[in-house]
């Protein structure tokens, strides 16, 4: 069975973006960012919610195109529609059976590319296997939380910790259900 890995940048206070979508304070370059970009090459499938996909528009992503050209994209939304999507881009209704079917397919682990609400929904349904955070030396004071507004507590088991000169750390945890 394929694992779902939530690989995401966060602030010290647990936000994946600040107020009004601000990510300007996150570490943007250096060895830690290079490691993250290299790690993305290990995935053949990405899942995300509509807001995360549309966030890419401000960085040049065109509607219906893959944000990561080497990956198949599954965007979960009740409202998003593309006239002529790329063959690698599929919009799905938020349905746990689709996620469970993806986990059963052959392939690499699945990259969960946010966002907080979507990740919270998956966590509360015990579908995220690994949490890999790029912990930034930054306090945002508000914004989008790592898992939205979840209501349960979860234990994590630290698997790996890497530190980089710009203050960024990459922490890898197994989620214990």
C-alpha atoms as a PDB file:
ATOM      1  CA  UNK A   1       0.000   0.000   0.000  1.00  0.00           C
ATOM      2  CA  UNK A   2       1.268   3.464  -0.866  1.00  0.00           C
ATOM      3  CA  UNK A   3       1.815   5.920   1.958  1.00  0.00           C
ATOM      4  CA  UNK A   4       0.555   9.490   1.986  1.00  0.00           C
ATOM      5  CA  UNK A   5       3.290  11.909   3.021  1.00  0.00           C
ATOM      6  CA  UNK A   6       2.254  15.412   4.073  1.00  0.00           C
ATOM      7  CA  UNK A   7       5.409  17.387   3.212  1.00  0.00           C
ATOM      8  CA  UNK A   8       4.852  21.019   4.084  1.00  0.00           C
ATOM      9  CA  UNK A   9       6.511  24.219   5.273  1.00  0.00           C
ATOM     10  CA  UNK A  10       5.354  25.539   8.647  1.00  0.00           C
ATOM     11  CA  UNK A  11       6.159  28.355  11.015  1.00  0.00           C
ATOM     12  CA  UNK A  12       7.210  27.686  14.618  1.00  0.00           C
ATOM     13  CA  UNK A  13       3.620  28.458  15.656  1.00  0.00           C
ATOM     14  CA  UNK A  14       2.148  25.892  13.249  1.00  0.00           C
ATOM     15  CA  UNK A  15       0.939  27.883  10.227  1.00  0.00           C
ATOM     16  CA  UNK A  16       1.471  26.838   6.601  1.00  0.00           C
ATOM     17  CA  UNK A  17       0.851  30.406   5.467  1.00  0.00           C
ATOM     18  CA  UNK A  18       0.322  33.696   7.193  1.00  0.00           C
ATOM     19  CA  UNK A  19      -2.563  36.110   6.999  1.00  0.00           C
ATOM     20  CA  UNK A  20      -3.676  36.929   3.442  1.00  0.00           C
ATOM     21  CA  UNK A  21      -1.649  34.024   2.040  1.00  0.00           C
ATOM     22  CA  UNK A  22       1.688  35.503   3.089  1.00  0.00           C
ATOM     23  CA  UNK A  23       4.605  33.069   2.755  1.00  0.00           C
ATOM     24  CA  UNK A  24       7.305  35.727   2.344  1.00  0.00           C
ATOM     25  CA  UNK A  25       8.992  34.914   5.663  1.00  0.00           C
ATOM     26  CA  UNK A  26       9.553  31.240   4.859  1.00  0.00           C
ATOM     27  CA  UNK A  27      13.084  30.178   3.916  1.00  0.00           C
ATOM     28  CA  UNK A  28      13.178  30.408   0.097  1.00  0.00           C
ATOM     29  CA  UNK A  29      16.667  29.125  -0.711  1.00  0.00           C
ATOM     30  CA  UNK A  30      19.567  27.139   0.666  1.00  0.00           C
ATOM     31  CA  UNK A  31      20.397  23.481   1.274  1.00  0.00           C
ATOM     32  CA  UNK A  32      17.103  22.710   3.048  1.00  0.00           C
ATOM     33  CA  UNK A  33      15.020  24.033   0.152  1.00  0.00           C
ATOM     34  CA  UNK A  34      17.263  22.158  -2.298  1.00  0.00           C
ATOM     35  CA  UNK A  35      16.650  18.959  -0.330  1.00  0.00           C
ATOM     36  CA  UNK A  36      12.891  19.518  -0.450  1.00  0.00           C
ATOM     37  CA  UNK A  37      12.966  20.111  -4.226  1.00  0.00           C
ATOM     38  CA  UNK A  38      15.068  16.979  -4.726  1.00  0.00           C
ATOM     39  CA  UNK A  39      12.714  14.974  -2.486  1.00  0.00           C
ATOM     40  CA  UNK A  40       9.762  15.956  -4.700  1.00  0.00           C
ATOM     41  CA  UNK A  41      11.348  13.953  -7.523  1.00  0.00           C
ATOM     42  CA  UNK A  42      10.586  10.790  -5.498  1.00  0.00           C
ATOM     43  CA  UNK A  43       6.815  11.220  -5.939  1.00  0.00           C
ATOM     44  CA  UNK A  44       4.731  10.281  -8.986  1.00  0.00           C
ATOM     45  CA  UNK A  45       1.367  11.441  -7.557  1.00  0.00           C
ATOM     46  CA  UNK A  46       0.246  14.576  -5.718  1.00  0.00           C
ATOM     47  CA  UNK A  47      -3.063  15.242  -3.952  1.00  0.00           C
ATOM     48  CA  UNK A  48      -4.315  18.636  -2.828  1.00  0.00           C
ATOM     49  CA  UNK A  49      -7.375  20.748  -2.228  1.00  0.00           C
ATOM     50  CA  UNK A  50      -8.675  23.472  -4.536  1.00  0.00           C
ATOM     51  CA  UNK A  51      -7.265  26.379  -2.539  1.00  0.00           C
ATOM     52  CA  UNK A  52      -3.764  24.909  -2.597  1.00  0.00           C
ATOM     53  CA  UNK A  53      -3.955  24.348  -6.356  1.00  0.00           C
ATOM     54  CA  UNK A  54      -5.273  27.866  -6.987  1.00  0.00           C
ATOM     55  CA  UNK A  55      -2.545  29.314  -4.734  1.00  0.00           C
ATOM     56  CA  UNK A  56      -0.157  28.360  -7.541  1.00  0.00           C
ATOM     57  CA  UNK A  57      -1.838  30.817  -9.934  1.00  0.00           C
ATOM     58  CA  UNK A  58       0.009  33.718  -8.325  1.00  0.00           C
ATOM     59  CA  UNK A  59       3.289  31.944  -9.194  1.00  0.00           C
ATOM     60  CA  UNK A  60       2.448  31.391 -12.862  1.00  0.00           C
ATOM     61  CA  UNK A  61       0.491  28.133 -12.733  1.00  0.00           C
ATOM     62  CA  UNK A  62      -2.138  28.005 -15.498  1.00  0.00           C
ATOM     63  CA  UNK A  63      -5.574  26.547 -14.748  1.00  0.00           C
ATOM     64  CA  UNK A  64      -5.720  22.865 -15.644  1.00  0.00           C
ATOM     65  CA  UNK A  65      -1.944  22.460 -15.868  1.00  0.00           C
ATOM     66  CA  UNK A  66       0.141  20.334 -13.480  1.00  0.00           C
ATOM     67  CA  UNK A  67       1.976  22.240 -10.762  1.00  0.00           C
ATOM     68  CA  UNK A  68       4.571  19.438 -10.740  1.00  0.00           C
ATOM     69  CA  UNK A  69       5.035  18.280 -14.360  1.00  0.00           C
ATOM     70  CA  UNK A  70       6.341  14.804 -13.472  1.00  0.00           C
ATOM     71  CA  UNK A  71       3.379  13.948 -11.173  1.00  0.00           C
ATOM     72  CA  UNK A  72      -0.238  12.924 -11.669  1.00  0.00           C
ATOM     73  CA  UNK A  73      -2.448  15.469  -9.900  1.00  0.00           C
ATOM     74  CA  UNK A  74      -5.653  14.777  -7.998  1.00  0.00           C
ATOM     75  CA  UNK A  75      -7.322  18.005  -6.897  1.00  0.00           C
ATOM     76  CA  UNK A  76     -10.202  17.530  -4.463  1.00  0.00           C
ATOM     77  CA  UNK A  77     -12.969  20.088  -4.837  1.00  0.00           C
ATOM     78  CA  UNK A  78     -16.738  20.373  -5.112  1.00  0.00           C
ATOM     79  CA  UNK A  79     -16.523  23.483  -7.292  1.00  0.00           C
ATOM     80  CA  UNK A  80     -13.355  23.468  -9.428  1.00  0.00           C
ATOM     81  CA  UNK A  81     -13.854  22.831 -13.161  1.00  0.00           C
ATOM     82  CA  UNK A  82     -11.353  23.029 -16.038  1.00  0.00           C
ATOM     83  CA  UNK A  83     -12.419  23.257 -19.682  1.00  0.00           C
ATOM     84  CA  UNK A  84      -9.423  21.359 -21.042  1.00  0.00           C
ATOM     85  CA  UNK A  85      -7.235  20.011 -18.261  1.00  0.00           C
ATOM     86  CA  UNK A  86      -3.859  18.442 -18.897  1.00  0.00           C
ATOM     87  CA  UNK A  87      -3.936  14.623 -18.927  1.00  0.00           C
ATOM     88  CA  UNK A  88      -2.016  14.652 -15.619  1.00  0.00           C
ATOM     89  CA  UNK A  89      -4.670  16.746 -13.834  1.00  0.00           C
ATOM     90  CA  UNK A  90      -7.891  15.286 -12.467  1.00  0.00           C
ATOM     91  CA  UNK A  91     -10.479  17.038 -10.288  1.00  0.00           C
ATOM     92  CA  UNK A  92     -12.303  14.765  -7.833  1.00  0.00           C
ATOM     93  CA  UNK A  93     -15.095  15.339  -5.357  1.00  0.00           C
ATOM     94  CA  UNK A  94     -13.873  15.011  -1.748  1.00  0.00           C
ATOM     95  CA  UNK A  95     -14.448  11.274  -1.350  1.00  0.00           C
ATOM     96  CA  UNK A  96     -12.432   9.030   0.948  1.00  0.00           C
ATOM     97  CA  UNK A  97     -12.880   6.058  -1.405  1.00  0.00           C
ATOM     98  CA  UNK A  98     -10.878   7.901  -4.089  1.00  0.00           C
ATOM     99  CA  UNK A  99      -8.010   8.451  -1.624  1.00  0.00           C
ATOM    100  CA  UNK A 100      -8.167   4.833  -0.477  1.00  0.00           C
ATOM    101  CA  UNK A 101      -8.096   3.626  -4.099  1.00  0.00           C
ATOM    102  CA  UNK A 102      -5.048   5.790  -4.840  1.00  0.00           C
ATOM    103  CA  UNK A 103      -3.257   4.246  -1.865  1.00  0.00           C
ATOM    104  CA  UNK A 104      -3.927   0.781  -3.333  1.00  0.00           C
ATOM    105  CA  UNK A 105      -2.415   1.604  -6.744  1.00  0.00           C
ATOM    106  CA  UNK A 106       1.161   0.767  -7.654  1.00  0.00           C
ATOM    107  CA  UNK A 107       3.591   3.653  -7.483  1.00  0.00           C
ATOM    108  CA  UNK A 108       5.613   5.829  -5.164  1.00  0.00           C
ATOM    109  CA  UNK A 109       4.333   7.304  -1.913  1.00  0.00           C
ATOM    110  CA  UNK A 110       1.727  10.030  -2.498  1.00  0.00           C
ATOM    111  CA  UNK A 111       2.688  13.664  -1.914  1.00  0.00           C
ATOM    112  CA  UNK A 112       0.058  15.580   0.053  1.00  0.00           C
ATOM    113  CA  UNK A 113       0.560  19.212  -0.913  1.00  0.00           C
ATOM    114  CA  UNK A 114      -1.762  20.834   1.613  1.00  0.00           C
ATOM    115  CA  UNK A 115      -3.651  22.680   2.583  1.00  0.00           C
ATOM    116  CA  UNK A 116      -4.651  22.757   6.183  1.00  0.00           C
ATOM    117  CA  UNK A 117      -8.359  21.994   5.837  1.00  0.00           C
ATOM    118  CA  UNK A 118      -7.790  19.145   3.352  1.00  0.00           C
ATOM    119  CA  UNK A 119      -4.939  17.709   5.454  1.00  0.00           C
ATOM    120  CA  UNK A 120      -7.104  17.903   8.579  1.00  0.00           C
ATOM    121  CA  UNK A 121      -9.870  15.946   6.832  1.00  0.00           C
ATOM    122  CA  UNK A 122      -7.391  13.259   5.793  1.00  0.00           C
ATOM    123  CA  UNK A 123      -5.813  13.118   9.265  1.00  0.00           C
ATOM    124  CA  UNK A 124      -9.154  12.732  11.012  1.00  0.00           C
ATOM    125  CA  UNK A 125      -9.858   9.827   8.652  1.00  0.00           C
ATOM    126  CA  UNK A 126      -6.444   8.303   9.453  1.00  0.00           C
ATOM    127  CA  UNK A 127      -5.176   8.475   5.866  1.00  0.00           C
ATOM    128  CA  UNK A 128      -1.912  10.398   6.342  1.00  0.00           C
ATOM    129  CA  UNK A 129       0.985   8.084   7.124  1.00  0.00           C
ATOM    130  CA  UNK A 130       3.957  10.439   7.405  1.00  0.00           C
ATOM    131  CA  UNK A 131       4.249  14.097   8.369  1.00  0.00           C
ATOM    132  CA  UNK A 132       7.362  15.760   6.972  1.00  0.00           C
ATOM    133  CA  UNK A 133       7.623  19.410   8.013  1.00  0.00           C
ATOM    134  CA  UNK A 134      10.022  22.085   6.888  1.00  0.00           C
ATOM    135  CA  UNK A 135      10.105  23.954  10.200  1.00  0.00           C
ATOM    136  CA  UNK A 136      10.924  27.603   9.502  1.00  0.00           C
ATOM    137  CA  UNK A 137      12.509  29.955  12.064  1.00  0.00           C
ATOM    138  CA  UNK A 138       9.471  32.227  11.945  1.00  0.00           C
ATOM    139  CA  UNK A 139       6.410  33.127  14.022  1.00  0.00           C
ATOM    140  CA  UNK A 140       3.412  34.147  11.907  1.00  0.00           C
ATOM    141  CA  UNK A 141       0.804  34.773  14.615  1.00  0.00           C
ATOM    142  CA  UNK A 142      -2.074  33.610  12.414  1.00  0.00           C
ATOM    143  CA  UNK A 143      -3.049  32.217   9.044  1.00  0.00           C
ATOM    144  CA  UNK A 144      -3.774  28.692   7.830  1.00  0.00           C
ATOM    145  CA  UNK A 145      -3.014  25.998  10.423  1.00  0.00           C
ATOM    146  CA  UNK A 146      -1.127  22.825   9.571  1.00  0.00           C
ATOM    147  CA  UNK A 147      -4.276  20.718   9.973  1.00  0.00           C
ATOM    148  CA  UNK A 148      -7.024  23.337   9.884  1.00  0.00           C
ATOM    149  CA  UNK A 149      -9.347  22.949  12.869  1.00  0.00           C
ATOM    150  CA  UNK A 150      -9.005  19.301  13.853  1.00  0.00           C
ATOM    151  CA  UNK A 151     -10.586  18.194  17.096  1.00  0.00           C
ATOM    152  CA  UNK A 152      -8.583  15.076  18.043  1.00  0.00           C
ATOM    153  CA  UNK A 153      -5.096  14.566  19.479  1.00  0.00           C
ATOM    154  CA  UNK A 154      -2.497  12.451  17.650  1.00  0.00           C
ATOM    155  CA  UNK A 155       0.848  11.019  18.743  1.00  0.00           C
ATOM    156  CA  UNK A 156       3.841  11.258  16.433  1.00  0.00           C
ATOM    157  CA  UNK A 157       7.043   9.235  16.302  1.00  0.00           C
ATOM    158  CA  UNK A 158      10.129  11.167  15.169  1.00  0.00           C
ATOM    159  CA  UNK A 159      11.954   9.297  12.403  1.00  0.00           C
ATOM    160  CA  UNK A 160      14.483  11.867  11.224  1.00  0.00           C
ATOM    161  CA  UNK A 161      15.665  15.403  11.940  1.00  0.00           C
ATOM    162  CA  UNK A 162      17.835  17.448   9.601  1.00  0.00           C
ATOM    163  CA  UNK A 163      19.099  20.957  10.327  1.00  0.00           C
ATOM    164  CA  UNK A 164      20.282  23.492   7.773  1.00  0.00           C
ATOM    165  CA  UNK A 165      22.391  26.627   8.067  1.00  0.00           C
ATOM    166  CA  UNK A 166      19.525  29.038   7.333  1.00  0.00           C
ATOM    167  CA  UNK A 167      17.700  27.836  10.464  1.00  0.00           C
ATOM    168  CA  UNK A 168      15.367  25.515   8.566  1.00  0.00           C
ATOM    169  CA  UNK A 169      14.801  22.023   9.948  1.00  0.00           C
ATOM    170  CA  UNK A 170      13.166  19.094   8.177  1.00  0.00           C
ATOM    171  CA  UNK A 171      11.434  16.801  10.669  1.00  0.00           C
ATOM    172  CA  UNK A 172       9.955  13.468   9.619  1.00  0.00           C
ATOM    173  CA  UNK A 173       7.309  11.796  11.796  1.00  0.00           C
ATOM    174  CA  UNK A 174       5.206   8.664  11.560  1.00  0.00           C
ATOM    175  CA  UNK A 175       1.629   9.354  12.645  1.00  0.00           C
ATOM    176  CA  UNK A 176       0.450   6.860  15.252  1.00  0.00           C
ATOM    177  CA  UNK A 177      -3.252   6.053  15.021  1.00  0.00           C
END
